Amino acid sequence: MGATETWIEQVNVLTEWMTEANTHPLLQDTILANLQRWRQGLPLVTPHATPKIQQMLESQTLIGWRNLTEGLASCWILHIQQKHILQNQLRSSGKKWTQQFLTKVFFLA
């Protein structure tokens, strides 16, 4: 299997996991869209971004999207997901979600 096929397969795995893990919908859409755009060398997008999502996007862009695949995530990802978990009374934690997320993202590299 080539690099492109592996990428597509792992993005599908990540997408499915994010949905099953009750990821904040705008956070999920923004991360997935911008990982794809980063890989294609295209400018990043902010579809319907709230101020916190915009902050996360700017922060992760400064850190680097490749760095995200190596485990260096913006703290805004954790904060946004943790707030989503609390608001929706989900049985998880932002820290646990972030650890699982970074494991899934690692396989994109």
C-alpha atoms as a PDB file:
ATOM      1  CA  MET A   1       0.000   0.000   0.000  1.00  0.00           C
ATOM      2  CA  GLY A   2       1.345   3.425  -0.941  1.00  0.00           C
ATOM      3  CA  ALA A   3       1.613   6.539   1.188  1.00  0.00           C
ATOM      4  CA  THR A   4      -1.562   8.097  -0.202  1.00  0.00           C
ATOM      5  CA  GLU A   5      -3.632   4.970   0.380  1.00  0.00           C
ATOM      6  CA  THR A   6      -2.255   4.653   3.923  1.00  0.00           C
ATOM      7  CA  TRP A   7      -3.048   8.321   4.604  1.00  0.00           C
ATOM      8  CA  ILE A   8      -6.632   7.920   3.355  1.00  0.00           C
ATOM      9  CA  GLU A   9      -7.135   4.763   5.416  1.00  0.00           C
ATOM     10  CA  GLN A  10      -5.761   6.367   8.588  1.00  0.00           C
ATOM     11  CA  VAL A  11      -7.812   9.564   8.101  1.00  0.00           C
ATOM     12  CA  ASN A  12     -10.899   7.357   7.837  1.00  0.00           C
ATOM     13  CA  VAL A  13      -9.900   5.571  11.060  1.00  0.00           C
ATOM     14  CA  LEU A  14      -9.326   8.935  12.756  1.00  0.00           C
ATOM     15  CA  THR A  15     -12.658  10.313  11.501  1.00  0.00           C
ATOM     16  CA  GLU A  16     -14.564   7.292  12.741  1.00  0.00           C
ATOM     17  CA  TRP A  17     -12.840   7.398  16.108  1.00  0.00           C
ATOM     18  CA  MET A  18     -13.458  11.144  16.530  1.00  0.00           C
ATOM     19  CA  THR A  19     -17.157  10.632  15.840  1.00  0.00           C
ATOM     20  CA  GLU A  20     -17.418   7.666  18.220  1.00  0.00           C
ATOM     21  CA  ALA A  21     -15.463   9.573  20.903  1.00  0.00           C
ATOM     22  CA  ASN A  22     -17.998  12.433  20.849  1.00  0.00           C
ATOM     23  CA  THR A  23     -15.506  14.975  19.595  1.00  0.00           C
ATOM     24  CA  HIS A  24     -16.666  18.591  19.503  1.00  0.00           C
ATOM     25  CA  PRO A  25     -18.157  18.787  15.967  1.00  0.00           C
ATOM     26  CA  LEU A  26     -16.431  22.015  14.882  1.00  0.00           C
ATOM     27  CA  LEU A  27     -13.152  20.864  16.394  1.00  0.00           C
ATOM     28  CA  GLN A  28     -13.407  17.609  14.455  1.00  0.00           C
ATOM     29  CA  ASP A  29     -14.282  19.323  11.177  1.00  0.00           C
ATOM     30  CA  THR A  30     -11.517  21.900  11.562  1.00  0.00           C
ATOM     31  CA  ILE A  31      -8.804  19.406  12.462  1.00  0.00           C
ATOM     32  CA  LEU A  32      -9.709  16.936   9.712  1.00  0.00           C
ATOM     33  CA  ALA A  33     -10.079  19.599   7.015  1.00  0.00           C
ATOM     34  CA  ASN A  34      -6.806  21.266   7.890  1.00  0.00           C
ATOM     35  CA  LEU A  35      -4.814  18.045   8.197  1.00  0.00           C
ATOM     36  CA  GLN A  36      -5.933  17.248   4.652  1.00  0.00           C
ATOM     37  CA  ARG A  37      -5.110  20.747   3.401  1.00  0.00           C
ATOM     38  CA  TRP A  38      -1.717  20.682   5.149  1.00  0.00           C
ATOM     39  CA  ARG A  39      -0.838  17.383   3.454  1.00  0.00           C
ATOM     40  CA  GLN A  40      -1.881  18.773   0.064  1.00  0.00           C
ATOM     41  CA  GLY A  41       0.096  21.985   0.584  1.00  0.00           C
ATOM     42  CA  LEU A  42      -3.037  24.133   0.480  1.00  0.00           C
ATOM     43  CA  PRO A  43      -3.884  27.150   2.658  1.00  0.00           C
ATOM     44  CA  LEU A  44      -5.704  26.355   5.868  1.00  0.00           C
ATOM     45  CA  VAL A  45      -9.417  27.040   6.227  1.00  0.00           C
ATOM     46  CA  THR A  46     -11.649  28.048   9.106  1.00  0.00           C
ATOM     47  CA  PRO A  47     -15.158  26.815   8.290  1.00  0.00           C
ATOM     48  CA  HIS A  48     -17.626  28.516  10.641  1.00  0.00           C
ATOM     49  CA  ALA A  49     -14.884  28.967  13.240  1.00  0.00           C
ATOM     50  CA  THR A  50     -15.793  30.194  16.681  1.00  0.00           C
ATOM     51  CA  PRO A  51     -13.184  32.370  18.408  1.00  0.00           C
ATOM     52  CA  LYS A  52     -11.816  29.370  20.361  1.00  0.00           C
ATOM     53  CA  ILE A  53     -11.651  27.191  17.237  1.00  0.00           C
ATOM     54  CA  GLN A  54      -9.872  30.049  15.447  1.00  0.00           C
ATOM     55  CA  GLN A  55      -7.455  30.307  18.379  1.00  0.00           C
ATOM     56  CA  MET A  56      -6.799  26.555  18.180  1.00  0.00           C
ATOM     57  CA  LEU A  57      -6.197  26.748  14.444  1.00  0.00           C
ATOM     58  CA  GLU A  58      -3.777  29.656  14.767  1.00  0.00           C
ATOM     59  CA  SER A  59      -1.996  27.990  17.675  1.00  0.00           C
ATOM     60  CA  GLN A  60      -1.652  24.623  15.891  1.00  0.00           C
ATOM     61  CA  THR A  61      -0.438  26.389  12.753  1.00  0.00           C
ATOM     62  CA  LEU A  62       2.322  28.069  14.776  1.00  0.00           C
ATOM     63  CA  ILE A  63       3.254  24.727  16.356  1.00  0.00           C
ATOM     64  CA  GLY A  64       3.006  22.987  12.983  1.00  0.00           C
ATOM     65  CA  TRP A  65       0.610  20.427  11.555  1.00  0.00           C
ATOM     66  CA  ARG A  66       3.401  17.916  11.000  1.00  0.00           C
ATOM     67  CA  ASN A  67       4.264  18.396  14.660  1.00  0.00           C
ATOM     68  CA  LEU A  68       0.665  17.447  15.488  1.00  0.00           C
ATOM     69  CA  THR A  69       1.260  14.068  13.846  1.00  0.00           C
ATOM     70  CA  GLU A  70       4.314  13.734  16.084  1.00  0.00           C
ATOM     71  CA  GLY A  71       2.412  14.468  19.296  1.00  0.00           C
ATOM     72  CA  LEU A  72       2.719  18.254  19.640  1.00  0.00           C
ATOM     73  CA  ALA A  73      -0.847  19.495  19.887  1.00  0.00           C
ATOM     74  CA  SER A  74      -2.151  22.939  20.702  1.00  0.00           C
ATOM     75  CA  CYS A  75      -3.441  23.146  24.275  1.00  0.00           C
ATOM     76  CA  TRP A  76      -6.627  24.593  22.748  1.00  0.00           C
ATOM     77  CA  ILE A  77      -7.531  21.149  21.395  1.00  0.00           C
ATOM     78  CA  LEU A  78      -7.644  19.781  24.950  1.00  0.00           C
ATOM     79  CA  HIS A  79      -9.463  22.853  26.319  1.00  0.00           C
ATOM     80  CA  ILE A  80     -12.154  22.839  23.621  1.00  0.00           C
ATOM     81  CA  GLN A  81     -12.765  19.101  23.959  1.00  0.00           C
ATOM     82  CA  GLN A  82     -12.800  19.233  27.765  1.00  0.00           C
ATOM     83  CA  LYS A  83     -15.427  21.988  27.723  1.00  0.00           C
ATOM     84  CA  HIS A  84     -17.483  19.958  25.231  1.00  0.00           C
ATOM     85  CA  ILE A  85     -17.253  16.904  27.516  1.00  0.00           C
ATOM     86  CA  LEU A  86     -18.380  18.892  30.561  1.00  0.00           C
ATOM     87  CA  GLN A  87     -21.203  20.696  28.776  1.00  0.00           C
ATOM     88  CA  ASN A  88     -22.589  17.430  27.421  1.00  0.00           C
ATOM     89  CA  GLN A  89     -21.957  15.409  30.595  1.00  0.00           C
ATOM     90  CA  LEU A  90     -19.959  12.798  28.692  1.00  0.00           C
ATOM     91  CA  ARG A  91     -18.153   9.990  30.476  1.00  0.00           C
ATOM     92  CA  SER A  92     -14.618  10.903  29.545  1.00  0.00           C
ATOM     93  CA  SER A  93     -12.004  13.540  30.190  1.00  0.00           C
ATOM     94  CA  GLY A  94     -10.224  15.956  27.926  1.00  0.00           C
ATOM     95  CA  LYS A  95      -6.887  14.464  28.925  1.00  0.00           C
ATOM     96  CA  LYS A  96      -7.920  10.896  28.097  1.00  0.00           C
ATOM     97  CA  TRP A  97      -9.498  12.020  24.820  1.00  0.00           C
ATOM     98  CA  THR A  98      -6.346  13.959  23.864  1.00  0.00           C
ATOM     99  CA  GLN A  99      -4.082  10.979  24.583  1.00  0.00           C
ATOM    100  CA  GLN A 100      -6.227   8.739  22.394  1.00  0.00           C
ATOM    101  CA  PHE A 101      -6.453  11.427  19.701  1.00  0.00           C
ATOM    102  CA  LEU A 102      -2.676  11.851  19.556  1.00  0.00           C
ATOM    103  CA  THR A 103      -2.242   8.090  19.239  1.00  0.00           C
ATOM    104  CA  LYS A 104      -4.603   8.062  16.246  1.00  0.00           C
ATOM    105  CA  VAL A 105      -2.983  11.116  14.642  1.00  0.00           C
ATOM    106  CA  PHE A 106       0.469   9.535  15.056  1.00  0.00           C
ATOM    107  CA  PHE A 107      -0.505   6.868  12.512  1.00  0.00           C
ATOM    108  CA  LEU A 108      -1.033   9.556   9.868  1.00  0.00           C
ATOM    109  CA  ALA A 109       2.698  10.310   9.794  1.00  0.00           C
END
